Amino acid sequence: MKNTFSIGAFAARAGVTVRTIRYYDQIGLLKPSGHTPTGRRRYSERDYIRLQQILTLKLIGLSLQEIRSLLHTDTIEPGTLLEQQKQALARKVVQITRVVAAIEQAQARLKAADGADWQQFIDIIRVVNMEQQTNWLAQFLTAAQQQQLHDHQRQPYPGQKQAGEAWRNLFAAIQHHRYTPTTDPAVQQLVRQWDALMYDYALEDAALAEQLNQAYTQLDAAPGMDEAPLADWAEAARFIQQARQIRE
């Protein structure tokens, strides 16, 4: 195709990673203008303009979900962008306020104890990391969905132990089949098991399950979440996603 870019050249021109471009394609945010006869993505100047719009909207603090909604319209009004940015900043204010409150409480406990308590210091760091992760998760889930999952996780529920064991067994099976062709029946069975467990975890909300699937594929990109086990989970999620696309 003439006057188009390969995915590598397109990503390099925009200063982003190839993984980012592939992810935007997967979630329908930025589809390539075409493909080569062998199925490789090709991007045009018009695609580049759309990518610049996406990056600009991210820069002012909008989530990918908000960006996708905005770019579905014919025009983007400056007033709408300002309102979206104000809402994004308001969410950050709430998050920062929660972190500051947690630090102040920990400082008070340390002062009352009249000495350094390393466990309390560790707790502070965990709270800060959790707030960073919440901010990152906002590009996949709404605040209401995050709260829904948070409340669900805090309360024990029937079958919780069995679900945890099922996830661990599924992850082990994915690791075992990581080099198996995604068209293999055994891999497709893993996709069905994954989808069933994710549907249950998402409280039988299909839309939420899909958004969680998207988040899982990028889990290793979340702040403080790049340790080996979580990176392995992200890789497993991407493997399942690829296998699901073959089935579809």
C-alpha atoms as a PDB file:
ATOM      1  CA  MET A   1       0.000   0.000   0.000  1.00  0.00           C
ATOM      2  CA  LYS A   2       1.342   3.453  -0.972  1.00  0.00           C
ATOM      3  CA  ASN A   3       1.923   6.295   1.485  1.00  0.00           C
ATOM      4  CA  THR A   4       1.357   4.127   4.537  1.00  0.00           C
ATOM      5  CA  PHE A   5       3.510   3.077   7.481  1.00  0.00           C
ATOM      6  CA  SER A   6       4.304  -0.263   9.056  1.00  0.00           C
ATOM      7  CA  ILE A   7       3.327  -0.498  12.713  1.00  0.00           C
ATOM      8  CA  GLY A   8       6.953  -0.113  13.781  1.00  0.00           C
ATOM      9  CA  ALA A   9       7.514   3.021  11.697  1.00  0.00           C
ATOM     10  CA  PHE A  10       4.152   4.431  12.764  1.00  0.00           C
ATOM     11  CA  ALA A  11       4.918   3.923  16.460  1.00  0.00           C
ATOM     12  CA  ALA A  12       8.410   5.373  16.106  1.00  0.00           C
ATOM     13  CA  ARG A  13       7.086   8.452  14.323  1.00  0.00           C
ATOM     14  CA  ALA A  14       4.607   9.107  17.140  1.00  0.00           C
ATOM     15  CA  GLY A  15       7.076   8.312  19.915  1.00  0.00           C
ATOM     16  CA  VAL A  16       5.027   5.466  21.409  1.00  0.00           C
ATOM     17  CA  THR A  17       5.577   1.725  21.675  1.00  0.00           C
ATOM     18  CA  VAL A  18       4.359  -0.882  19.207  1.00  0.00           C
ATOM     19  CA  ARG A  19       2.513  -2.502  22.129  1.00  0.00           C
ATOM     20  CA  THR A  20       0.534   0.704  22.613  1.00  0.00           C
ATOM     21  CA  ILE A  21      -0.490   0.803  18.953  1.00  0.00           C
ATOM     22  CA  ARG A  22      -1.537  -2.842  19.045  1.00  0.00           C
ATOM     23  CA  TYR A  23      -3.550  -2.251  22.199  1.00  0.00           C
ATOM     24  CA  TYR A  24      -5.366   0.735  20.677  1.00  0.00           C
ATOM     25  CA  ASP A  25      -6.259  -1.534  17.747  1.00  0.00           C
ATOM     26  CA  GLN A  26      -7.512  -4.282  20.066  1.00  0.00           C
ATOM     27  CA  ILE A  27      -9.865  -1.953  21.937  1.00  0.00           C
ATOM     28  CA  GLY A  28     -11.097  -0.285  18.749  1.00  0.00           C
ATOM     29  CA  LEU A  29      -9.601   3.106  19.549  1.00  0.00           C
ATOM     30  CA  LEU A  30      -7.257   3.273  16.552  1.00  0.00           C
ATOM     31  CA  LYS A  31      -7.791   0.822  13.717  1.00  0.00           C
ATOM     32  CA  PRO A  32      -5.241   0.720  10.856  1.00  0.00           C
ATOM     33  CA  SER A  33      -6.377   2.006   7.476  1.00  0.00           C
ATOM     34  CA  GLY A  34      -5.472  -1.297   5.874  1.00  0.00           C
ATOM     35  CA  HIS A  35      -3.469  -4.503   5.899  1.00  0.00           C
ATOM     36  CA  THR A  36      -0.919  -6.101   3.608  1.00  0.00           C
ATOM     37  CA  PRO A  37      -1.806  -9.360   1.808  1.00  0.00           C
ATOM     38  CA  THR A  38      -0.045 -11.170   4.683  1.00  0.00           C
ATOM     39  CA  GLY A  39      -2.200  -9.414   7.296  1.00  0.00           C
ATOM     40  CA  ARG A  40       0.282  -6.833   8.578  1.00  0.00           C
ATOM     41  CA  ARG A  41      -1.142  -3.513   9.726  1.00  0.00           C
ATOM     42  CA  ARG A  42      -0.592  -0.404   7.596  1.00  0.00           C
ATOM     43  CA  TYR A  43      -1.220   3.097   8.940  1.00  0.00           C
ATOM     44  CA  SER A  44      -1.967   6.308   7.017  1.00  0.00           C
ATOM     45  CA  GLU A  45      -1.501  10.021   7.630  1.00  0.00           C
ATOM     46  CA  ARG A  46      -5.126  10.164   8.739  1.00  0.00           C
ATOM     47  CA  ASP A  47      -4.386   7.452  11.318  1.00  0.00           C
ATOM     48  CA  TYR A  48      -1.463   9.547  12.524  1.00  0.00           C
ATOM     49  CA  ILE A  49      -3.728  12.551  13.051  1.00  0.00           C
ATOM     50  CA  ARG A  50      -6.141  10.417  15.079  1.00  0.00           C
ATOM     51  CA  LEU A  51      -3.256   9.083  17.164  1.00  0.00           C
ATOM     52  CA  GLN A  52      -2.147  12.634  17.907  1.00  0.00           C
ATOM     53  CA  GLN A  53      -5.696  13.421  19.045  1.00  0.00           C
ATOM     54  CA  ILE A  54      -5.618  10.403  21.365  1.00  0.00           C
ATOM     55  CA  LEU A  55      -2.242  11.363  22.826  1.00  0.00           C
ATOM     56  CA  THR A  56      -3.355  14.971  23.329  1.00  0.00           C
ATOM     57  CA  LEU A  57      -6.524  13.889  25.123  1.00  0.00           C
ATOM     58  CA  LYS A  58      -4.494  11.545  27.329  1.00  0.00           C
ATOM     59  CA  LEU A  59      -2.158  14.424  28.122  1.00  0.00           C
ATOM     60  CA  ILE A  60      -4.994  16.488  29.600  1.00  0.00           C
ATOM     61  CA  GLY A  61      -5.980  13.585  31.832  1.00  0.00           C
ATOM     62  CA  LEU A  62      -8.790  11.765  30.025  1.00  0.00           C
ATOM     63  CA  SER A  63      -9.136   8.000  30.289  1.00  0.00           C
ATOM     64  CA  LEU A  64      -9.102   5.808  27.186  1.00  0.00           C
ATOM     65  CA  GLN A  65     -12.803   5.145  27.733  1.00  0.00           C
ATOM     66  CA  GLU A  66     -13.522   8.896  27.741  1.00  0.00           C
ATOM     67  CA  ILE A  67     -11.324   9.406  24.675  1.00  0.00           C
ATOM     68  CA  ARG A  68     -13.110   6.666  22.761  1.00  0.00           C
ATOM     69  CA  SER A  69     -16.455   8.274  23.567  1.00  0.00           C
ATOM     70  CA  LEU A  70     -15.256  11.693  22.436  1.00  0.00           C
ATOM     71  CA  LEU A  71     -13.702  10.466  19.180  1.00  0.00           C
ATOM     72  CA  HIS A  72     -16.939   8.752  18.182  1.00  0.00           C
ATOM     73  CA  THR A  73     -18.464  12.208  17.687  1.00  0.00           C
ATOM     74  CA  ASP A  74     -18.014  14.233  14.504  1.00  0.00           C
ATOM     75  CA  THR A  75     -16.546  17.230  16.309  1.00  0.00           C
ATOM     76  CA  ILE A  76     -14.891  17.800  19.656  1.00  0.00           C
ATOM     77  CA  GLU A  77     -15.872  21.081  21.278  1.00  0.00           C
ATOM     78  CA  PRO A  78     -13.232  22.874  23.413  1.00  0.00           C
ATOM     79  CA  GLY A  79     -15.828  23.341  26.130  1.00  0.00           C
ATOM     80  CA  THR A  80     -16.415  19.601  26.257  1.00  0.00           C
ATOM     81  CA  LEU A  81     -12.680  18.961  26.584  1.00  0.00           C
ATOM     82  CA  LEU A  82     -12.390  21.456  29.424  1.00  0.00           C
ATOM     83  CA  GLU A  83     -15.293  19.835  31.251  1.00  0.00           C
ATOM     84  CA  GLN A  84     -13.754  16.390  30.801  1.00  0.00           C
ATOM     85  CA  GLN A  85     -10.402  17.673  32.050  1.00  0.00           C
ATOM     86  CA  LYS A  86     -12.065  19.287  35.070  1.00  0.00           C
ATOM     87  CA  GLN A  87     -13.733  15.983  35.941  1.00  0.00           C
ATOM     88  CA  ALA A  88     -10.457  14.090  35.537  1.00  0.00           C
ATOM     89  CA  LEU A  89      -8.662  16.562  37.804  1.00  0.00           C
ATOM     90  CA  ALA A  90     -11.484  16.369  40.356  1.00  0.00           C
ATOM     91  CA  ARG A  91     -10.993  12.585  40.527  1.00  0.00           C
ATOM     92  CA  LYS A  92      -7.266  13.096  41.077  1.00  0.00           C
ATOM     93  CA  VAL A  93      -8.010  15.564  43.888  1.00  0.00           C
ATOM     94  CA  VAL A  94     -10.113  12.905  45.613  1.00  0.00           C
ATOM     95  CA  GLN A  95      -7.353  10.319  45.209  1.00  0.00           C
ATOM     96  CA  ILE A  96      -4.630  12.656  46.472  1.00  0.00           C
ATOM     97  CA  THR A  97      -6.803  13.697  49.413  1.00  0.00           C
ATOM     98  CA  ARG A  98      -7.204  10.047  50.403  1.00  0.00           C
ATOM     99  CA  VAL A  99      -3.436   9.494  50.261  1.00  0.00           C
ATOM    100  CA  VAL A 100      -2.738  12.621  52.337  1.00  0.00           C
ATOM    101  CA  ALA A 101      -5.329  11.535  54.931  1.00  0.00           C
ATOM    102  CA  ALA A 102      -3.738   8.070  55.176  1.00  0.00           C
ATOM    103  CA  ILE A 103      -0.284   9.616  55.658  1.00  0.00           C
ATOM    104  CA  GLU A 104      -1.561  11.978  58.350  1.00  0.00           C
ATOM    105  CA  GLN A 105      -3.187   9.078  60.208  1.00  0.00           C
ATOM    106  CA  ALA A 106       0.025   7.076  60.004  1.00  0.00           C
ATOM    107  CA  GLN A 107       2.042  10.080  61.227  1.00  0.00           C
ATOM    108  CA  ALA A 108      -0.294  10.411  64.199  1.00  0.00           C
ATOM    109  CA  ARG A 109       0.139   6.729  65.059  1.00  0.00           C
ATOM    110  CA  LEU A 110       3.915   7.015  64.759  1.00  0.00           C
ATOM    111  CA  LYS A 111       3.937  10.078  67.024  1.00  0.00           C
ATOM    112  CA  ALA A 112       1.719   8.354  69.590  1.00  0.00           C
ATOM    113  CA  ALA A 113       3.995   5.324  69.572  1.00  0.00           C
ATOM    114  CA  ASP A 114       6.976   7.653  70.132  1.00  0.00           C
ATOM    115  CA  GLY A 115       9.162   5.775  67.698  1.00  0.00           C
ATOM    116  CA  ALA A 116       9.525   4.490  64.167  1.00  0.00           C
ATOM    117  CA  ASP A 117       7.290   1.614  63.235  1.00  0.00           C
ATOM    118  CA  TRP A 118       8.459   0.096  59.962  1.00  0.00           C
ATOM    119  CA  GLN A 119       5.234  -1.829  59.457  1.00  0.00           C
ATOM    120  CA  GLN A 120       3.273   1.416  59.521  1.00  0.00           C
ATOM    121  CA  PHE A 121       5.754   2.947  57.094  1.00  0.00           C
ATOM    122  CA  ILE A 122       5.225  -0.037  54.766  1.00  0.00           C
ATOM    123  CA  ASP A 123       1.471   0.462  55.072  1.00  0.00           C
ATOM    124  CA  ILE A 124       1.872   4.078  53.925  1.00  0.00           C
ATOM    125  CA  ILE A 125       3.777   3.002  50.824  1.00  0.00           C
ATOM    126  CA  ARG A 126       1.103   0.423  50.036  1.00  0.00           C
ATOM    127  CA  VAL A 127      -1.653   3.038  50.270  1.00  0.00           C
ATOM    128  CA  VAL A 128       0.229   5.364  47.911  1.00  0.00           C
ATOM    129  CA  ASN A 129       0.791   2.534  45.423  1.00  0.00           C
ATOM    130  CA  MET A 130      -2.857   1.515  45.592  1.00  0.00           C
ATOM    131  CA  GLU A 131      -3.923   5.068  44.763  1.00  0.00           C
ATOM    132  CA  GLN A 132      -1.542   5.149  41.793  1.00  0.00           C
ATOM    133  CA  GLN A 133      -2.961   1.840  40.572  1.00  0.00           C
ATOM    134  CA  THR A 134      -6.509   3.141  40.961  1.00  0.00           C
ATOM    135  CA  ASN A 135      -5.625   6.137  38.813  1.00  0.00           C
ATOM    136  CA  TRP A 136      -4.161   3.812  36.159  1.00  0.00           C
ATOM    137  CA  LEU A 137      -7.220   1.536  36.299  1.00  0.00           C
ATOM    138  CA  ALA A 138      -9.472   4.514  35.529  1.00  0.00           C
ATOM    139  CA  GLN A 139      -8.606   4.174  31.833  1.00  0.00           C
ATOM    140  CA  PHE A 140     -10.398   0.809  31.835  1.00  0.00           C
ATOM    141  CA  LEU A 141     -13.101   1.067  34.528  1.00  0.00           C
ATOM    142  CA  THR A 142     -15.422   3.787  35.719  1.00  0.00           C
ATOM    143  CA  ALA A 143     -15.214   4.959  39.324  1.00  0.00           C
ATOM    144  CA  ALA A 144     -18.478   3.111  40.053  1.00  0.00           C
ATOM    145  CA  GLN A 145     -17.106  -0.141  38.610  1.00  0.00           C
ATOM    146  CA  GLN A 146     -13.902   0.194  40.637  1.00  0.00           C
ATOM    147  CA  GLN A 147     -15.908   0.745  43.807  1.00  0.00           C
ATOM    148  CA  GLN A 148     -18.142  -2.221  42.952  1.00  0.00           C
ATOM    149  CA  LEU A 149     -15.153  -4.534  42.637  1.00  0.00           C
ATOM    150  CA  HIS A 150     -13.523  -3.068  45.746  1.00  0.00           C
ATOM    151  CA  ASP A 151     -16.643  -3.731  47.838  1.00  0.00           C
ATOM    152  CA  HIS A 152     -16.930  -7.239  46.390  1.00  0.00           C
ATOM    153  CA  GLN A 153     -13.314  -8.089  47.237  1.00  0.00           C
ATOM    154  CA  ARG A 154     -13.606  -6.835  50.806  1.00  0.00           C
ATOM    155  CA  GLN A 155     -16.523  -9.118  51.638  1.00  0.00           C
ATOM    156  CA  PRO A 156     -16.057 -12.915  51.717  1.00  0.00           C
ATOM    157  CA  TYR A 157     -18.531 -14.692  49.460  1.00  0.00           C
ATOM    158  CA  PRO A 158     -19.556 -18.327  48.896  1.00  0.00           C
ATOM    159  CA  GLY A 159     -17.140 -20.104  46.602  1.00  0.00           C
ATOM    160  CA  GLN A 160     -14.390 -17.498  47.003  1.00  0.00           C
ATOM    161  CA  LYS A 161     -11.777 -20.071  47.986  1.00  0.00           C
ATOM    162  CA  GLN A 162     -12.782 -22.388  45.139  1.00  0.00           C
ATOM    163  CA  ALA A 163     -12.621 -19.488  42.653  1.00  0.00           C
ATOM    164  CA  GLY A 164      -9.109 -18.622  43.793  1.00  0.00           C
ATOM    165  CA  GLU A 165      -8.011 -22.216  43.358  1.00  0.00           C
ATOM    166  CA  ALA A 166      -9.628 -22.360  39.910  1.00  0.00           C
ATOM    167  CA  TRP A 167      -7.693 -19.243  38.834  1.00  0.00           C
ATOM    168  CA  ARG A 168      -4.416 -20.710  40.073  1.00  0.00           C
ATOM    169  CA  ASN A 169      -5.023 -23.977  38.237  1.00  0.00           C
ATOM    170  CA  LEU A 170      -5.989 -22.114  35.069  1.00  0.00           C
ATOM    171  CA  PHE A 171      -2.859 -19.981  35.220  1.00  0.00           C
ATOM    172  CA  ALA A 172      -0.706 -23.087  35.609  1.00  0.00           C
ATOM    173  CA  ALA A 173      -2.427 -24.655  32.587  1.00  0.00           C
ATOM    174  CA  ILE A 174      -1.838 -21.503  30.519  1.00  0.00           C
ATOM    175  CA  GLN A 175       1.829 -21.570  31.451  1.00  0.00           C
ATOM    176  CA  HIS A 176       1.975 -25.215  30.366  1.00  0.00           C
ATOM    177  CA  HIS A 177       0.397 -24.407  26.986  1.00  0.00           C
ATOM    178  CA  ARG A 178       2.131 -21.068  26.363  1.00  0.00           C
ATOM    179  CA  TYR A 179       3.864 -22.449  23.251  1.00  0.00           C
ATOM    180  CA  THR A 180       0.881 -24.462  22.050  1.00  0.00           C
ATOM    181  CA  PRO A 181      -0.817 -23.081  18.906  1.00  0.00           C
ATOM    182  CA  THR A 182      -3.818 -20.986  19.888  1.00  0.00           C
ATOM    183  CA  THR A 183      -5.990 -23.027  17.509  1.00  0.00           C
ATOM    184  CA  ASP A 184      -5.382 -26.158  19.567  1.00  0.00           C
ATOM    185  CA  PRO A 185      -8.592 -27.475  21.250  1.00  0.00           C
ATOM    186  CA  ALA A 186      -6.823 -27.563  24.614  1.00  0.00           C
ATOM    187  CA  VAL A 187      -6.034 -23.841  24.364  1.00  0.00           C
ATOM    188  CA  GLN A 188      -9.584 -23.017  23.271  1.00  0.00           C
ATOM    189  CA  GLN A 189     -10.837 -24.868  26.353  1.00  0.00           C
ATOM    190  CA  LEU A 190      -8.621 -22.595  28.464  1.00  0.00           C
ATOM    191  CA  VAL A 191     -10.274 -19.589  26.823  1.00  0.00           C
ATOM    192  CA  ARG A 192     -13.704 -20.886  27.829  1.00  0.00           C
ATOM    193  CA  GLN A 193     -12.524 -21.483  31.407  1.00  0.00           C
ATOM    194  CA  TRP A 194     -10.988 -18.008  31.576  1.00  0.00           C
ATOM    195  CA  ASP A 195     -14.157 -16.341  30.268  1.00  0.00           C
ATOM    196  CA  ALA A 196     -16.326 -18.233  32.757  1.00  0.00           C
ATOM    197  CA  LEU A 197     -14.134 -17.272  35.723  1.00  0.00           C
ATOM    198  CA  MET A 198     -13.871 -13.662  34.584  1.00  0.00           C
ATOM    199  CA  TYR A 199     -17.648 -13.442  34.139  1.00  0.00           C
ATOM    200  CA  ASP A 200     -18.125 -14.641  37.721  1.00  0.00           C
ATOM    201  CA  TYR A 201     -15.441 -12.277  39.021  1.00  0.00           C
ATOM    202  CA  ALA A 202     -17.159  -9.382  37.211  1.00  0.00           C
ATOM    203  CA  LEU A 203     -20.399 -10.172  39.045  1.00  0.00           C
ATOM    204  CA  GLU A 204     -21.958 -11.560  35.854  1.00  0.00           C
ATOM    205  CA  ASP A 205     -21.562  -8.196  34.104  1.00  0.00           C
ATOM    206  CA  ALA A 206     -20.386  -8.965  30.548  1.00  0.00           C
ATOM    207  CA  ALA A 207     -19.277  -5.380  29.838  1.00  0.00           C
ATOM    208  CA  LEU A 208     -17.252  -5.234  33.048  1.00  0.00           C
ATOM    209  CA  ALA A 209     -15.687  -8.613  32.259  1.00  0.00           C
ATOM    210  CA  GLU A 210     -14.548  -7.304  28.871  1.00  0.00           C
ATOM    211  CA  GLN A 211     -13.036  -4.185  30.434  1.00  0.00           C
ATOM    212  CA  LEU A 212     -11.229  -6.312  33.023  1.00  0.00           C
ATOM    213  CA  ASN A 213      -9.854  -8.478  30.230  1.00  0.00           C
ATOM    214  CA  GLN A 214      -8.421  -5.352  28.611  1.00  0.00           C
ATOM    215  CA  ALA A 215      -6.915  -4.225  31.919  1.00  0.00           C
ATOM    216  CA  TYR A 216      -5.355  -7.643  32.567  1.00  0.00           C
ATOM    217  CA  THR A 217      -3.464  -7.542  29.266  1.00  0.00           C
ATOM    218  CA  GLN A 218      -1.790  -4.316  30.439  1.00  0.00           C
ATOM    219  CA  LEU A 219      -1.360  -5.316  34.089  1.00  0.00           C
ATOM    220  CA  ASP A 220       2.426  -5.182  33.872  1.00  0.00           C
ATOM    221  CA  ALA A 221       2.213  -1.500  32.866  1.00  0.00           C
ATOM    222  CA  ALA A 222       0.440  -0.425  36.071  1.00  0.00           C
ATOM    223  CA  PRO A 223       2.468   1.543  38.668  1.00  0.00           C
ATOM    224  CA  GLY A 224       4.079  -0.798  41.168  1.00  0.00           C
ATOM    225  CA  MET A 225       2.729  -3.850  39.329  1.00  0.00           C
ATOM    226  CA  ASP A 226       5.763  -4.860  37.261  1.00  0.00           C
ATOM    227  CA  GLU A 227       6.903  -7.717  39.490  1.00  0.00           C
ATOM    228  CA  ALA A 228       7.353 -11.091  37.816  1.00  0.00           C
ATOM    229  CA  PRO A 229       4.092 -12.796  38.944  1.00  0.00           C
ATOM    230  CA  LEU A 230       1.943  -9.914  37.713  1.00  0.00           C
ATOM    231  CA  ALA A 231       3.904  -9.621  34.484  1.00  0.00           C
ATOM    232  CA  ASP A 232       3.233 -13.336  33.981  1.00  0.00           C
ATOM    233  CA  TRP A 233      -0.475 -12.754  34.526  1.00  0.00           C
ATOM    234  CA  ALA A 234      -0.442  -9.989  31.918  1.00  0.00           C
ATOM    235  CA  GLU A 235       1.281 -12.333  29.481  1.00  0.00           C
ATOM    236  CA  ALA A 236      -1.312 -15.027  30.225  1.00  0.00           C
ATOM    237  CA  ALA A 237      -4.131 -12.543  29.574  1.00  0.00           C
ATOM    238  CA  ARG A 238      -2.599 -11.578  26.236  1.00  0.00           C
ATOM    239  CA  PHE A 239      -2.251 -15.253  25.312  1.00  0.00           C
ATOM    240  CA  ILE A 240      -5.939 -15.841  26.078  1.00  0.00           C
ATOM    241  CA  GLN A 241      -6.909 -12.742  24.122  1.00  0.00           C
ATOM    242  CA  GLN A 242      -4.995 -13.947  21.061  1.00  0.00           C
ATOM    243  CA  ALA A 243      -6.594 -17.373  21.338  1.00  0.00           C
ATOM    244  CA  ARG A 244     -10.062 -15.803  21.645  1.00  0.00           C
ATOM    245  CA  GLN A 245      -9.493 -13.749  18.491  1.00  0.00           C
ATOM    246  CA  ILE A 246      -8.665 -16.930  16.578  1.00  0.00           C
ATOM    247  CA  ARG A 247     -11.931 -18.455  17.759  1.00  0.00           C
ATOM    248  CA  GLU A 248     -13.925 -15.376  16.775  1.00  0.00           C
END
